[in-house]
Every structure is written in structure tokens, then in C-alpha cells.
């Protein structure tokens, strides 16, 4: 079960990435629902700096894990990040850019819109 697919701007949630395939539901969108405890709702454009921070904090997103069908992320890939990890990266000065139209509105439970807008790659 998933929440309504609405973005932080109030419109329909756009696809974040299908290559690599992202999202808690692995549908290419940053959809969320009750089962998504990590709230994977921020559509982010990966950077080397963010990937290094994430690895340092214990979530290695860059190393391939073929046993899970995960090829590993590289700079330029789009990925649905946990809202709290995005906010932590913002606090550390290493937040990646985001696509607001592909970022789920539930992100606003954790990250203020004003912060997301600072990193927006899409026009507001």
C-alpha cells in the first residue's frame, strides 16, 4: 500500500529514475507508504561528495551489491533518498541537488520546502 503520488509542489509525482531503478517500491518514483520506515522520498542527483558522506555514515550506495541486484550509484545518477539522510547531508554541507517534481510530499514531514528549494534543479 502506498500514499497518494503527490510531489512537494502539490502536483503529480514524476518519475525519479528507471536506470538505475529507484524508489522504495522499485517503480522509479519516490513513492512512500506505511511500510517505508526510511521514508525514501527525496529524488536526488548523486554527487561524489554525497556518496562519500553516505558511505562514511554507514550507507554505502556506491559499491555494487549484485546479490541484491544493485549496481552501485555514481555521480549523476538519480536516486530516492531517505528524507532524514537528505536533511543530515544538508546540515553537513553535502546535500545533493533535488528534483522537486519527483520528490514526494511526505518529505515535508521532515524537510522544510525552503531547504529543498535551495537544491532544486527543476524550475519552481
PDB file of N, CA and C in Angstrom:
ATOM      1  N   UNK A   1       0.838  -1.174   0.000  1.00  0.00           N
ATOM      2  CA  UNK A   1       0.000   0.000   0.000  1.00  0.00           C
ATOM      3  C   UNK A   1       0.887   1.242   0.000  1.00  0.00           C
ATOM      4  N   UNK A   2       0.517   2.225  -0.829  1.00  0.00           N
ATOM      5  CA  UNK A   2       1.315   3.442  -0.876  1.00  0.00           C
ATOM      6  C   UNK A   2       0.433   4.669  -0.768  1.00  0.00           C
ATOM      7  N   UNK A   3       1.054   5.750  -0.291  1.00  0.00           N
ATOM      8  CA  UNK A   3       0.373   7.036  -0.184  1.00  0.00           C
ATOM      9  C   UNK A   3       0.109   7.584  -1.585  1.00  0.00           C
ATOM     10  N   UNK A   4      -0.766   8.565  -1.689  1.00  0.00           N
ATOM     11  CA  UNK A   4      -1.030   9.222  -2.969  1.00  0.00           C
ATOM     12  C   UNK A   4       0.271   9.767  -3.548  1.00  0.00           C
ATOM     13  N   UNK A   5       0.426   9.644  -4.854  1.00  0.00           N
ATOM     14  CA  UNK A   5       1.653  10.065  -5.537  1.00  0.00           C
ATOM     15  C   UNK A   5       1.601  11.551  -5.876  1.00  0.00           C
ATOM     16  N   UNK A   6       1.845  12.378  -4.849  1.00  0.00           N
ATOM     17  CA  UNK A   6       1.812  13.833  -4.970  1.00  0.00           C
ATOM     18  C   UNK A   6       3.197  14.373  -4.602  1.00  0.00           C
ATOM     19  N   UNK A   7       3.685  15.354  -5.378  1.00  0.00           N
ATOM     20  CA  UNK A   7       5.009  15.901  -5.094  1.00  0.00           C
ATOM     21  C   UNK A   7       4.940  17.090  -4.125  1.00  0.00           C
ATOM     22  N   UNK A   8       6.102  17.598  -3.745  1.00  0.00           N
ATOM     23  CA  UNK A   8       6.177  18.679  -2.763  1.00  0.00           C
ATOM     24  C   UNK A   8       5.580  19.990  -3.273  1.00  0.00           C
ATOM     25  N   UNK A   9       5.340  20.082  -4.575  1.00  0.00           N
ATOM     26  CA  UNK A   9       4.742  21.277  -5.165  1.00  0.00           C
ATOM     27  C   UNK A   9       3.230  21.149  -5.284  1.00  0.00           C
ATOM     28  N   UNK A  10       2.696  19.964  -4.921  1.00  0.00           N
ATOM     29  CA  UNK A  10       1.260  19.734  -4.968  1.00  0.00           C
ATOM     30  C   UNK A  10       0.759  19.104  -6.251  1.00  0.00           C
ATOM     31  N   UNK A  11       1.666  18.811  -7.168  1.00  0.00           N
ATOM     32  CA  UNK A  11       1.288  18.187  -8.441  1.00  0.00           C
ATOM     33  C   UNK A  11       1.535  16.694  -8.432  1.00  0.00           C
ATOM     34  N   UNK A  12       1.287  16.037  -9.579  1.00  0.00           N
ATOM     35  CA  UNK A  12       1.543  14.599  -9.671  1.00  0.00           C
ATOM     36  C   UNK A  12       3.039  14.297  -9.517  1.00  0.00           C
ATOM     37  N   UNK A  13       3.340  13.235  -8.798  1.00  0.00           N
ATOM     38  CA  UNK A  13       4.725  12.827  -8.577  1.00  0.00           C
ATOM     39  C   UNK A  13       5.319  12.310  -9.887  1.00  0.00           C
ATOM     40  N   UNK A  14       6.415  12.918 -10.320  1.00  0.00           N
ATOM     41  CA  UNK A  14       7.078  12.495 -11.547  1.00  0.00           C
ATOM     42  C   UNK A  14       8.072  11.376 -11.243  1.00  0.00           C
ATOM     43  N   UNK A  15       8.471  10.672 -12.286  1.00  0.00           N
ATOM     44  CA  UNK A  15       9.467   9.611 -12.165  1.00  0.00           C
ATOM     45  C   UNK A  15      10.814  10.210 -11.785  1.00  0.00           C
ATOM     46  N   UNK A  16      11.492   9.555 -10.860  1.00  0.00           N
ATOM     47  CA  UNK A  16      12.833   9.982 -10.455  1.00  0.00           C
ATOM     48  C   UNK A  16      13.874   9.309 -11.349  1.00  0.00           C
ATOM     49  N   UNK A  17      13.847   7.971 -11.422  1.00  0.00           N
ATOM     50  CA  UNK A  17      14.814   7.247 -12.250  1.00  0.00           C
ATOM     51  C   UNK A  17      14.367   5.808 -12.475  1.00  0.00           C
ATOM     52  N   UNK A  18      14.529   5.370 -13.712  1.00  0.00           N
ATOM     53  CA  UNK A  18      14.304   3.956 -14.026  1.00  0.00           C
ATOM     54  C   UNK A  18      15.624   3.261 -14.356  1.00  0.00           C
ATOM     55  N   UNK A  19      16.706   4.034 -14.503  1.00  0.00           N
ATOM     56  CA  UNK A  19      18.030   3.471 -14.767  1.00  0.00           C
ATOM     57  C   UNK A  19      19.058   4.328 -14.046  1.00  0.00           C
ATOM     58  N   UNK A  20      19.436   3.992 -12.806  1.00  0.00           N
ATOM     59  CA  UNK A  20      19.016   2.798 -12.070  1.00  0.00           C
ATOM     60  C   UNK A  20      17.569   2.920 -11.565  1.00  0.00           C
ATOM     61  N   UNK A  21      16.954   1.760 -11.422  1.00  0.00           N
ATOM     62  CA  UNK A  21      15.579   1.721 -10.929  1.00  0.00           C
ATOM     63  C   UNK A  21      15.581   2.038  -9.439  1.00  0.00           C
ATOM     64  N   UNK A  22      14.839   3.068  -9.066  1.00  0.00           N
ATOM     65  CA  UNK A  22      14.862   3.559  -7.691  1.00  0.00           C
ATOM     66  C   UNK A  22      13.481   3.513  -7.063  1.00  0.00           C
ATOM     67  N   UNK A  23      13.429   3.935  -5.818  1.00  0.00           N
ATOM     68  CA  UNK A  23      12.182   4.022  -5.071  1.00  0.00           C
ATOM     69  C   UNK A  23      11.991   2.858  -4.133  1.00  0.00           C
ATOM     70  N   UNK A  24      11.333   3.113  -3.025  1.00  0.00           N
ATOM     71  CA  UNK A  24      11.045   2.058  -2.057  1.00  0.00           C
ATOM     72  C   UNK A  24      10.295   0.910  -2.714  1.00  0.00           C
ATOM     73  N   UNK A  25       9.383   1.245  -3.630  1.00  0.00           N
ATOM     74  CA  UNK A  25       8.593   0.225  -4.326  1.00  0.00           C
ATOM     75  C   UNK A  25       9.264  -0.231  -5.617  1.00  0.00           C
ATOM     76  N   UNK A  26      10.464   0.287  -5.912  1.00  0.00           N
ATOM     77  CA  UNK A  26      11.214  -0.001  -7.142  1.00  0.00           C
ATOM     78  C   UNK A  26      10.319   0.181  -8.371  1.00  0.00           C
ATOM     79  N   UNK A  27       9.636   1.342  -8.385  1.00  0.00           N
ATOM     80  CA  UNK A  27       8.786   1.687  -9.523  1.00  0.00           C
ATOM     81  C   UNK A  27       9.304   2.922 -10.243  1.00  0.00           C
ATOM     82  N   UNK A  28      10.506   3.385  -9.864  1.00  0.00           N
ATOM     83  CA  UNK A  28      11.098   4.550 -10.494  1.00  0.00           C
ATOM     84  C   UNK A  28      10.692   5.868  -9.854  1.00  0.00           C
ATOM     85  N   UNK A  29       9.736   5.817  -8.928  1.00  0.00           N
ATOM     86  CA  UNK A  29       9.229   7.022  -8.262  1.00  0.00           C
ATOM     87  C   UNK A  29       9.560   6.976  -6.775  1.00  0.00           C
ATOM     88  N   UNK A  30       9.596   8.161  -6.167  1.00  0.00           N
ATOM     89  CA  UNK A  30       9.883   8.259  -4.732  1.00  0.00           C
ATOM     90  C   UNK A  30       8.595   8.152  -3.926  1.00  0.00           C
ATOM     91  N   UNK A  31       7.775   7.159  -4.284  1.00  0.00           N
ATOM     92  CA  UNK A  31       6.545   6.882  -3.543  1.00  0.00           C
ATOM     93  C   UNK A  31       6.887   6.377  -2.152  1.00  0.00           C
ATOM     94  N   UNK A  32       5.943   6.502  -1.250  1.00  0.00           N
ATOM     95  CA  UNK A  32       6.133   6.026   0.113  1.00  0.00           C
ATOM     96  C   UNK A  32       4.814   5.477   0.633  1.00  0.00           C
ATOM     97  N   UNK A  33       4.872   4.843   1.765  1.00  0.00           N
ATOM     98  CA  UNK A  33       3.694   4.294   2.410  1.00  0.00           C
ATOM     99  C   UNK A  33       4.075   3.805   3.787  1.00  0.00           C
ATOM    100  N   UNK A  34       3.135   3.204   4.495  1.00  0.00           N
ATOM    101  CA  UNK A  34       3.385   2.768   5.869  1.00  0.00           C
ATOM    102  C   UNK A  34       4.583   1.817   6.020  1.00  0.00           C
ATOM    103  N   UNK A  35       4.872   1.008   5.016  1.00  0.00           N
ATOM    104  CA  UNK A  35       5.977   0.053   5.129  1.00  0.00           C
ATOM    105  C   UNK A  35       7.350   0.704   4.935  1.00  0.00           C
ATOM    106  N   UNK A  36       7.382   1.921   4.420  1.00  0.00           N
ATOM    107  CA  UNK A  36       8.638   2.620   4.136  1.00  0.00           C
ATOM    108  C   UNK A  36       9.114   3.383   5.367  1.00  0.00           C
ATOM    109  N   UNK A  37       9.702   2.670   6.298  1.00  0.00           N
ATOM    110  CA  UNK A  37      10.152   3.280   7.558  1.00  0.00           C
ATOM    111  C   UNK A  37      11.226   4.339   7.325  1.00  0.00           C
ATOM    112  N   UNK A  38      12.029   4.189   6.271  1.00  0.00           N
ATOM    113  CA  UNK A  38      13.093   5.146   5.990  1.00  0.00           C
ATOM    114  C   UNK A  38      12.636   6.373   5.232  1.00  0.00           C
ATOM    115  N   UNK A  39      11.405   6.373   4.789  1.00  0.00           N
ATOM    116  CA  UNK A  39      10.824   7.481   4.020  1.00  0.00           C
ATOM    117  C   UNK A  39      11.748   7.883   2.867  1.00  0.00           C
ATOM    118  N   UNK A  40      11.861   6.995   1.860  1.00  0.00           N
ATOM    119  CA  UNK A  40      12.702   7.197   0.673  1.00  0.00           C
ATOM    120  C   UNK A  40      11.965   8.103  -0.314  1.00  0.00           C
ATOM    121  N   UNK A  41      11.921   9.397  -0.032  1.00  0.00           N
ATOM    122  CA  UNK A  41      11.010  10.299  -0.726  1.00  0.00           C
ATOM    123  C   UNK A  41      11.670  11.459  -1.469  1.00  0.00           C
ATOM    124  N   UNK A  42      12.990  11.638  -1.334  1.00  0.00           N
ATOM    125  CA  UNK A  42      13.675  12.763  -1.972  1.00  0.00           C
ATOM    126  C   UNK A  42      14.362  12.291  -3.247  1.00  0.00           C
ATOM    127  N   UNK A  43      13.960  12.823  -4.398  1.00  0.00           N
ATOM    128  CA  UNK A  43      14.620  12.494  -5.662  1.00  0.00           C
ATOM    129  C   UNK A  43      15.871  13.353  -5.782  1.00  0.00           C
ATOM    130  N   UNK A  44      17.018  12.724  -5.601  1.00  0.00           N
ATOM    131  CA  UNK A  44      18.290  13.444  -5.549  1.00  0.00           C
ATOM    132  C   UNK A  44      19.222  13.035  -6.681  1.00  0.00           C
ATOM    133  N   UNK A  45      20.023  13.999  -7.108  1.00  0.00           N
ATOM    134  CA  UNK A  45      21.044  13.782  -8.122  1.00  0.00           C
ATOM    135  C   UNK A  45      22.353  13.513  -7.385  1.00  0.00           C
ATOM    136  N   UNK A  46      22.841  12.291  -7.512  1.00  0.00           N
ATOM    137  CA  UNK A  46      24.022  11.887  -6.753  1.00  0.00           C
ATOM    138  C   UNK A  46      25.257  12.697  -7.128  1.00  0.00           C
ATOM    139  N   UNK A  47      26.051  12.995  -6.105  1.00  0.00           N
ATOM    140  CA  UNK A  47      27.349  13.648  -6.285  1.00  0.00           C
ATOM    141  C   UNK A  47      28.404  12.799  -5.581  1.00  0.00           C
ATOM    142  N   UNK A  48      29.656  12.963  -5.979  1.00  0.00           N
ATOM    143  CA  UNK A  48      30.739  12.231  -5.318  1.00  0.00           C
ATOM    144  C   UNK A  48      30.785  12.594  -3.834  1.00  0.00           C
ATOM    145  N   UNK A  49      30.565  13.867  -3.536  1.00  0.00           N
ATOM    146  CA  UNK A  49      30.601  14.325  -2.147  1.00  0.00           C
ATOM    147  C   UNK A  49      29.507  13.659  -1.307  1.00  0.00           C
ATOM    148  N   UNK A  50      28.276  13.614  -1.840  1.00  0.00           N
ATOM    149  CA  UNK A  50      27.199  12.984  -1.080  1.00  0.00           C
ATOM    150  C   UNK A  50      27.445  11.485  -0.932  1.00  0.00           C
ATOM    151  N   UNK A  51      27.874  10.817  -2.002  1.00  0.00           N
ATOM    152  CA  UNK A  51      28.123   9.371  -1.920  1.00  0.00           C
ATOM    153  C   UNK A  51      29.203   9.058  -0.889  1.00  0.00           C
ATOM    154  N   UNK A  52      30.224   9.897  -0.813  1.00  0.00           N
ATOM    155  CA  UNK A  52      31.284   9.702   0.191  1.00  0.00           C
ATOM    156  C   UNK A  52      30.725   9.902   1.596  1.00  0.00           C
ATOM    157  N   UNK A  53      29.901  10.922   1.792  1.00  0.00           N
ATOM    158  CA  UNK A  53      29.291  11.157   3.104  1.00  0.00           C
ATOM    159  C   UNK A  53      28.402   9.982   3.498  1.00  0.00           C
ATOM    160  N   UNK A  54      27.590   9.517   2.583  1.00  0.00           N
ATOM    161  CA  UNK A  54      26.692   8.412   2.877  1.00  0.00           C
ATOM    162  C   UNK A  54      27.475   7.148   3.269  1.00  0.00           C
ATOM    163  N   UNK A  55      28.548   6.887   2.542  1.00  0.00           N
ATOM    164  CA  UNK A  55      29.395   5.726   2.864  1.00  0.00           C
ATOM    165  C   UNK A  55      30.010   5.900   4.252  1.00  0.00           C
ATOM    166  N   UNK A  56      30.505   7.086   4.547  1.00  0.00           N
ATOM    167  CA  UNK A  56      31.100   7.381   5.849  1.00  0.00           C
ATOM    168  C   UNK A  56      30.076   7.176   6.966  1.00  0.00           C
ATOM    169  N   UNK A  57      28.814   7.517   6.691  1.00  0.00           N
ATOM    170  CA  UNK A  57      27.755   7.389   7.697  1.00  0.00           C
ATOM    171  C   UNK A  57      27.168   5.972   7.766  1.00  0.00           C
ATOM    172  N   UNK A  58      27.718   5.060   6.969  1.00  0.00           N
ATOM    173  CA  UNK A  58      27.320   3.662   7.075  1.00  0.00           C
ATOM    174  C   UNK A  58      26.351   3.150   6.022  1.00  0.00           C
ATOM    175  N   UNK A  59      26.020   3.972   5.036  1.00  0.00           N
ATOM    176  CA  UNK A  59      25.134   3.516   3.964  1.00  0.00           C
ATOM    177  C   UNK A  59      25.883   3.668   2.642  1.00  0.00           C
ATOM    178  N   UNK A  60      26.611   2.632   2.268  1.00  0.00           N
ATOM    179  CA  UNK A  60      27.436   2.649   1.054  1.00  0.00           C
ATOM    180  C   UNK A  60      26.547   2.447  -0.167  1.00  0.00           C
ATOM    181  N   UNK A  61      26.287   3.530  -0.875  1.00  0.00           N
ATOM    182  CA  UNK A  61      25.439   3.472  -2.072  1.00  0.00           C
ATOM    183  C   UNK A  61      26.250   3.317  -3.352  1.00  0.00           C
ATOM    184  N   UNK A  62      27.571   3.416  -3.263  1.00  0.00           N
ATOM    185  CA  UNK A  62      28.389   3.387  -4.472  1.00  0.00           C
ATOM    186  C   UNK A  62      28.964   2.013  -4.811  1.00  0.00           C
ATOM    187  N   UNK A  63      29.037   1.119  -3.852  1.00  0.00           N
ATOM    188  CA  UNK A  63      29.589  -0.219  -4.102  1.00  0.00           C
ATOM    189  C   UNK A  63      28.507  -1.146  -4.650  1.00  0.00           C
ATOM    190  N   UNK A  64      28.774  -1.781  -5.798  1.00  0.00           N
ATOM    191  CA  UNK A  64      27.786  -2.731  -6.343  1.00  0.00           C
ATOM    192  C   UNK A  64      27.520  -3.873  -5.362  1.00  0.00           C
ATOM    193  N   UNK A  65      26.251  -4.274  -5.285  1.00  0.00           N
ATOM    194  CA  UNK A  65      25.838  -5.423  -4.466  1.00  0.00           C
ATOM    195  C   UNK A  65      24.998  -6.338  -5.358  1.00  0.00           C
ATOM    196  N   UNK A  66      25.668  -7.113  -6.224  1.00  0.00           N
ATOM    197  CA  UNK A  66      24.945  -7.942  -7.197  1.00  0.00           C
ATOM    198  C   UNK A  66      23.964  -8.924  -6.556  1.00  0.00           C
ATOM    199  N   UNK A  67      24.255  -9.346  -5.321  1.00  0.00           N
ATOM    200  CA  UNK A  67      23.351 -10.288  -4.651  1.00  0.00           C
ATOM    201  C   UNK A  67      21.981  -9.667  -4.387  1.00  0.00           C
ATOM    202  N   UNK A  68      21.914  -8.333  -4.434  1.00  0.00           N
ATOM    203  CA  UNK A  68      20.640  -7.623  -4.262  1.00  0.00           C
ATOM    204  C   UNK A  68      20.182  -6.971  -5.560  1.00  0.00           C
ATOM    205  N   UNK A  69      20.887  -7.264  -6.657  1.00  0.00           N
ATOM    206  CA  UNK A  69      20.552  -6.655  -7.931  1.00  0.00           C
ATOM    207  C   UNK A  69      20.863  -5.166  -7.958  1.00  0.00           C
ATOM    208  N   UNK A  70      21.838  -4.733  -7.151  1.00  0.00           N
ATOM    209  CA  UNK A  70      22.193  -3.323  -7.034  1.00  0.00           C
ATOM    210  C   UNK A  70      23.545  -3.079  -7.685  1.00  0.00           C
ATOM    211  N   UNK A  71      23.575  -2.207  -8.698  1.00  0.00           N
ATOM    212  CA  UNK A  71      24.804  -1.956  -9.455  1.00  0.00           C
ATOM    213  C   UNK A  71      25.716  -0.924  -8.812  1.00  0.00           C
ATOM    214  N   UNK A  72      25.231  -0.253  -7.778  1.00  0.00           N
ATOM    215  CA  UNK A  72      26.006   0.828  -7.169  1.00  0.00           C
ATOM    216  C   UNK A  72      25.724   2.126  -7.901  1.00  0.00           C
ATOM    217  N   UNK A  73      25.719   3.224  -7.155  1.00  0.00           N
ATOM    218  CA  UNK A  73      25.424   4.530  -7.738  1.00  0.00           C
ATOM    219  C   UNK A  73      26.701   5.280  -8.040  1.00  0.00           C
ATOM    220  N   UNK A  74      26.606   6.161  -9.016  1.00  0.00           N
ATOM    221  CA  UNK A  74      27.734   7.018  -9.378  1.00  0.00           C
ATOM    222  C   UNK A  74      27.226   8.449  -9.512  1.00  0.00           C
ATOM    223  N   UNK A  75      28.127   9.424  -9.458  1.00  0.00           N
ATOM    224  CA  UNK A  75      27.697  10.810  -9.638  1.00  0.00           C
ATOM    225  C   UNK A  75      26.882  10.961 -10.922  1.00  0.00           C
ATOM    226  N   UNK A  76      25.790  11.703 -10.812  1.00  0.00           N
ATOM    227  CA  UNK A  76      24.897  11.903 -11.952  1.00  0.00           C
ATOM    228  C   UNK A  76      23.663  11.033 -11.915  1.00  0.00           C
ATOM    229  N   UNK A  77      23.720   9.907 -11.179  1.00  0.00           N
ATOM    230  CA  UNK A  77      22.539   9.047 -11.042  1.00  0.00           C
ATOM    231  C   UNK A  77      21.497   9.756 -10.193  1.00  0.00           C
ATOM    232  N   UNK A  78      20.226   9.491 -10.478  1.00  0.00           N
ATOM    233  CA  UNK A  78      19.149   9.980  -9.619  1.00  0.00           C
ATOM    234  C   UNK A  78      18.689   8.829  -8.740  1.00  0.00           C
ATOM    235  N   UNK A  79      18.352   9.147  -7.481  1.00  0.00           N
ATOM    236  CA  UNK A  79      18.020   8.112  -6.510  1.00  0.00           C
ATOM    237  C   UNK A  79      17.064   8.676  -5.472  1.00  0.00           C
ATOM    238  N   UNK A  80      16.162   7.853  -4.983  1.00  0.00           N
ATOM    239  CA  UNK A  80      15.238   8.260  -3.924  1.00  0.00           C
ATOM    240  C   UNK A  80      15.921   8.099  -2.569  1.00  0.00           C
ATOM    241  N   UNK A  81      16.271   9.220  -1.979  1.00  0.00           N
ATOM    242  CA  UNK A  81      16.952   9.227  -0.683  1.00  0.00           C
ATOM    243  C   UNK A  81      15.956   9.283   0.457  1.00  0.00           C
ATOM    244  N   UNK A  82      16.390   8.805   1.608  1.00  0.00           N
ATOM    245  CA  UNK A  82      15.621   8.974   2.836  1.00  0.00           C
ATOM    246  C   UNK A  82      15.607  10.464   3.179  1.00  0.00           C
ATOM    247  N   UNK A  83      14.449  10.965   3.553  1.00  0.00           N
ATOM    248  CA  UNK A  83      14.306  12.384   3.867  1.00  0.00           C
ATOM    249  C   UNK A  83      15.252  12.801   4.992  1.00  0.00           C
ATOM    250  N   UNK A  84      15.365  11.980   6.027  1.00  0.00           N
ATOM    251  CA  UNK A  84      16.238  12.323   7.154  1.00  0.00           C
ATOM    252  C   UNK A  84      17.707  12.362   6.730  1.00  0.00           C
ATOM    253  N   UNK A  85      18.119  11.468   5.809  1.00  0.00           N
ATOM    254  CA  UNK A  85      19.511  11.476   5.339  1.00  0.00           C
ATOM    255  C   UNK A  85      19.781  12.727   4.509  1.00  0.00           C
ATOM    256  N   UNK A  86      18.791  13.138   3.708  1.00  0.00           N
ATOM    257  CA  UNK A  86      18.957  14.374   2.953  1.00  0.00           C
ATOM    258  C   UNK A  86      19.153  15.550   3.908  1.00  0.00           C
ATOM    259  N   UNK A  87      18.325  15.634   4.937  1.00  0.00           N
ATOM    260  CA  UNK A  87      18.436  16.732   5.896  1.00  0.00           C
ATOM    261  C   UNK A  87      19.783  16.687   6.611  1.00  0.00           C
ATOM    262  N   UNK A  88      20.237  15.492   6.948  1.00  0.00           N
ATOM    263  CA  UNK A  88      21.546  15.340   7.578  1.00  0.00           C
ATOM    264  C   UNK A  88      22.650  15.826   6.632  1.00  0.00           C
ATOM    265  N   UNK A  89      22.552  15.471   5.350  1.00  0.00           N
ATOM    266  CA  UNK A  89      23.545  15.916   4.369  1.00  0.00           C
ATOM    267  C   UNK A  89      23.512  17.442   4.234  1.00  0.00           C
ATOM    268  N   UNK A  90      22.322  18.014   4.283  1.00  0.00           N
ATOM    269  CA  UNK A  90      22.191  19.478   4.256  1.00  0.00           C
ATOM    270  C   UNK A  90      22.930  20.087   5.460  1.00  0.00           C
ATOM    271  N   UNK A  91      22.699  19.521   6.627  1.00  0.00           N
ATOM    272  CA  UNK A  91      23.343  20.018   7.845  1.00  0.00           C
ATOM    273  C   UNK A  91      24.867  19.898   7.779  1.00  0.00           C
ATOM    274  N   UNK A  92      25.345  18.889   7.047  1.00  0.00           N
ATOM    275  CA  UNK A  92      26.785  18.648   6.912  1.00  0.00           C
ATOM    276  C   UNK A  92      27.397  19.405   5.732  1.00  0.00           C
ATOM    277  N   UNK A  93      26.565  20.121   4.970  1.00  0.00           N
ATOM    278  CA  UNK A  93      27.064  20.865   3.815  1.00  0.00           C
ATOM    279  C   UNK A  93      27.342  20.016   2.598  1.00  0.00           C
ATOM    280  N   UNK A  94      26.706  18.853   2.512  1.00  0.00           N
ATOM    281  CA  UNK A  94      26.968  17.940   1.390  1.00  0.00           C
ATOM    282  C   UNK A  94      25.686  17.446   0.717  1.00  0.00           C
ATOM    283  N   UNK A  95      24.621  18.220   0.820  1.00  0.00           N
ATOM    284  CA  UNK A  95      23.356  17.775   0.223  1.00  0.00           C
ATOM    285  C   UNK A  95      23.438  17.807  -1.300  1.00  0.00           C
ATOM    286  N   UNK A  96      22.860  16.803  -1.949  1.00  0.00           N
ATOM    287  CA  UNK A  96      22.811  16.793  -3.410  1.00  0.00           C
ATOM    288  C   UNK A  96      21.655  17.666  -3.917  1.00  0.00           C
ATOM    289  N   UNK A  97      21.649  17.928  -5.207  1.00  0.00           N
ATOM    290  CA  UNK A  97      20.531  18.628  -5.822  1.00  0.00           C
ATOM    291  C   UNK A  97      19.321  17.712  -5.834  1.00  0.00           C
ATOM    292  N   UNK A  98      18.125  18.295  -5.910  1.00  0.00           N
ATOM    293  CA  UNK A  98      16.884  17.516  -5.905  1.00  0.00           C
ATOM    294  C   UNK A  98      15.975  17.932  -7.051  1.00  0.00           C
ATOM    295  N   UNK A  99      15.146  17.001  -7.466  1.00  0.00           N
ATOM    296  CA  UNK A  99      14.073  17.287  -8.424  1.00  0.00           C
ATOM    297  C   UNK A  99      12.785  17.388  -7.621  1.00  0.00           C
ATOM    298  N   UNK A 100      12.282  18.603  -7.460  1.00  0.00           N
ATOM    299  CA  UNK A 100      11.080  18.827  -6.654  1.00  0.00           C
ATOM    300  C   UNK A 100       9.862  18.096  -7.209  1.00  0.00           C
ATOM    301  N   UNK A 101       9.707  18.078  -8.521  1.00  0.00           N
ATOM    302  CA  UNK A 101       8.538  17.436  -9.135  1.00  0.00           C
ATOM    303  C   UNK A 101       8.545  15.928  -8.926  1.00  0.00           C
ATOM    304  N   UNK A 102       9.705  15.361  -8.582  1.00  0.00           N
ATOM    305  CA  UNK A 102       9.819  13.923  -8.354  1.00  0.00           C
ATOM    306  C   UNK A 102      10.047  13.594  -6.871  1.00  0.00           C
ATOM    307  N   UNK A 103       9.943  14.606  -6.006  1.00  0.00           N
ATOM    308  CA  UNK A 103      10.109  14.416  -4.559  1.00  0.00           C
ATOM    309  C   UNK A 103       8.731  14.371  -3.904  1.00  0.00           C
ATOM    310  N   UNK A 104       8.467  13.298  -3.185  1.00  0.00           N
ATOM    311  CA  UNK A 104       7.137  13.060  -2.594  1.00  0.00           C
ATOM    312  C   UNK A 104       6.810  14.087  -1.508  1.00  0.00           C
ATOM    313  N   UNK A 105       5.553  14.465  -1.431  1.00  0.00           N
ATOM    314  CA  UNK A 105       5.123  15.483  -0.456  1.00  0.00           C
ATOM    315  C   UNK A 105       5.357  15.074   0.990  1.00  0.00           C
ATOM    316  N   UNK A 106       5.434  13.779   1.286  1.00  0.00           N
ATOM    317  CA  UNK A 106       5.702  13.336   2.659  1.00  0.00           C
ATOM    318  C   UNK A 106       7.086  13.779   3.131  1.00  0.00           C
ATOM    319  N   UNK A 107       7.956  14.159   2.206  1.00  0.00           N
ATOM    320  CA  UNK A 107       9.263  14.705   2.570  1.00  0.00           C
ATOM    321  C   UNK A 107       9.091  15.908   3.478  1.00  0.00           C
ATOM    322  N   UNK A 108       8.016  16.671   3.251  1.00  0.00           N
ATOM    323  CA  UNK A 108       7.790  17.903   4.012  1.00  0.00           C
ATOM    324  C   UNK A 108       7.530  17.634   5.489  1.00  0.00           C
ATOM    325  N   UNK A 109       7.293  16.362   5.853  1.00  0.00           N
ATOM    326  CA  UNK A 109       7.170  15.987   7.265  1.00  0.00           C
ATOM    327  C   UNK A 109       8.534  16.099   7.966  1.00  0.00           C
ATOM    328  N   UNK A 110       9.608  16.075   7.165  1.00  0.00           N
ATOM    329  CA  UNK A 110      10.970  16.040   7.707  1.00  0.00           C
ATOM    330  C   UNK A 110      11.798  17.246   7.264  1.00  0.00           C
ATOM    331  N   UNK A 111      11.661  17.620   5.999  1.00  0.00           N
ATOM    332  CA  UNK A 111      12.490  18.676   5.415  1.00  0.00           C
ATOM    333  C   UNK A 111      11.602  19.842   4.976  1.00  0.00           C
ATOM    334  N   UNK A 112      11.859  21.054   5.464  1.00  0.00           N
ATOM    335  CA  UNK A 112      11.071  22.210   5.023  1.00  0.00           C
ATOM    336  C   UNK A 112      11.251  22.466   3.519  1.00  0.00           C
ATOM    337  N   UNK A 113      10.196  22.916   2.876  1.00  0.00           N
ATOM    338  CA  UNK A 113      10.230  23.199   1.442  1.00  0.00           C
ATOM    339  C   UNK A 113      11.333  24.204   1.107  1.00  0.00           C
ATOM    340  N   UNK A 114      11.547  25.181   1.978  1.00  0.00           N
ATOM    341  CA  UNK A 114      12.566  26.197   1.717  1.00  0.00           C
ATOM    342  C   UNK A 114      13.957  25.569   1.558  1.00  0.00           C
ATOM    343  N   UNK A 115      14.234  24.546   2.342  1.00  0.00           N
ATOM    344  CA  UNK A 115      15.530  23.860   2.219  1.00  0.00           C
ATOM    345  C   UNK A 115      15.580  23.101   0.904  1.00  0.00           C
ATOM    346  N   UNK A 116      14.530  22.375   0.572  1.00  0.00           N
ATOM    347  CA  UNK A 116      14.507  21.641  -0.698  1.00  0.00           C
ATOM    348  C   UNK A 116      14.700  22.578  -1.879  1.00  0.00           C
ATOM    349  N   UNK A 117      14.071  23.736  -1.826  1.00  0.00           N
ATOM    350  CA  UNK A 117      14.151  24.687  -2.941  1.00  0.00           C
ATOM    351  C   UNK A 117      15.571  25.191  -3.164  1.00  0.00           C
ATOM    352  N   UNK A 118      16.393  25.231  -2.135  1.00  0.00           N
ATOM    353  CA  UNK A 118      17.796  25.649  -2.272  1.00  0.00           C
ATOM    354  C   UNK A 118      18.574  24.719  -3.190  1.00  0.00           C
ATOM    355  N   UNK A 119      18.145  23.464  -3.254  1.00  0.00           N
ATOM    356  CA  UNK A 119      18.876  22.448  -4.012  1.00  0.00           C
ATOM    357  C   UNK A 119      18.144  22.023  -5.291  1.00  0.00           C
ATOM    358  N   UNK A 120      17.070  22.721  -5.617  1.00  0.00           N
ATOM    359  CA  UNK A 120      16.216  22.324  -6.745  1.00  0.00           C
ATOM    360  C   UNK A 120      16.932  22.472  -8.082  1.00  0.00           C
ATOM    361  N   UNK A 121      16.793  21.459  -8.934  1.00  0.00           N
ATOM    362  CA  UNK A 121      17.315  21.518 -10.303  1.00  0.00           C
ATOM    363  C   UNK A 121      16.181  21.816 -11.290  1.00  0.00           C
ATOM    364  N   UNK A 122      14.930  21.677 -10.836  1.00  0.00           N
ATOM    365  CA  UNK A 122      13.806  21.965 -11.717  1.00  0.00           C
ATOM    366  C   UNK A 122      13.230  23.340 -11.362  1.00  0.00           C
ATOM    367  N   UNK A 123      12.658  24.011 -12.339  1.00  0.00           N
ATOM    368  CA  UNK A 123      12.096  25.334 -12.058  1.00  0.00           C
ATOM    369  C   UNK A 123      10.923  25.240 -11.092  1.00  0.00           C
ATOM    370  N   UNK A 124      10.788  26.214 -10.227  1.00  0.00           N
ATOM    371  CA  UNK A 124       9.708  26.212  -9.235  1.00  0.00           C
ATOM    372  C   UNK A 124       8.540  27.023  -9.758  1.00  0.00           C
TER     373      UNK A 124
END
